[in-house]
Amino acid sequence: MCIEKDRTENKVRAGQVMLASKQQGFVLILALVLLAVMTLIGVSSMNSANMELKATANAQQHQVAFNAVQSLLEFAVSADGAAALDFQTTDTTPQVIKASVPNATNLVASAVYSGCSVGVGSSLEEGKAPASNIFKVRATGQTITGSSSSVQMQGLRFPSAACAIDL
């Protein structure tokens, strides 16, 4: 009985050894597959992060160009810009302002006379109202690197003595 019991134990032990050796090979293959999947996920994440970085840099360059042109446009319609431009003229020749702003180049604003309008405001004389010259102000510019540019337009109504229209 003792011998028979030993044989049964040997068969069980042999089966366990055989089963364990098969499992060790499977674990190796499973580990390699998981490692390959994790590598693909890592590479995909790096590519995604790189694309987001490029998109952010592009948006930043666009914002720099937009802000530079916006500041030039604001200057052109401010009191200082009014001193540089003749808003009393009715000549349709473009009047040009050039400026420099950090991180931007080729900043140019042009104001073009586009007409005259008479308002409906209060006037001490019946039938007369304040008049205004109307200008289209167009500003353009780009970043120093040339990677982004901006074009903006704004209408401007400027009180005018040269455009007095009788009603």
Foldseek 3Di string as FASTA:
>chain_A
DVVVVVVVVVVVVVVVVVVVVVVVVVVVVVVVVVVVVVVVVVVVVVVVVVVVVVVVVLVVQQVVQVVVQVVVVVCCQDPNVCVQDPQQDQDQDWDKDDDDDPQKDPKMKTKGWDAKDFDPDDDPDPQFGWMWTKIKIKIKIGGPVRSYIDIDIDIDTGGYPNDGDGD
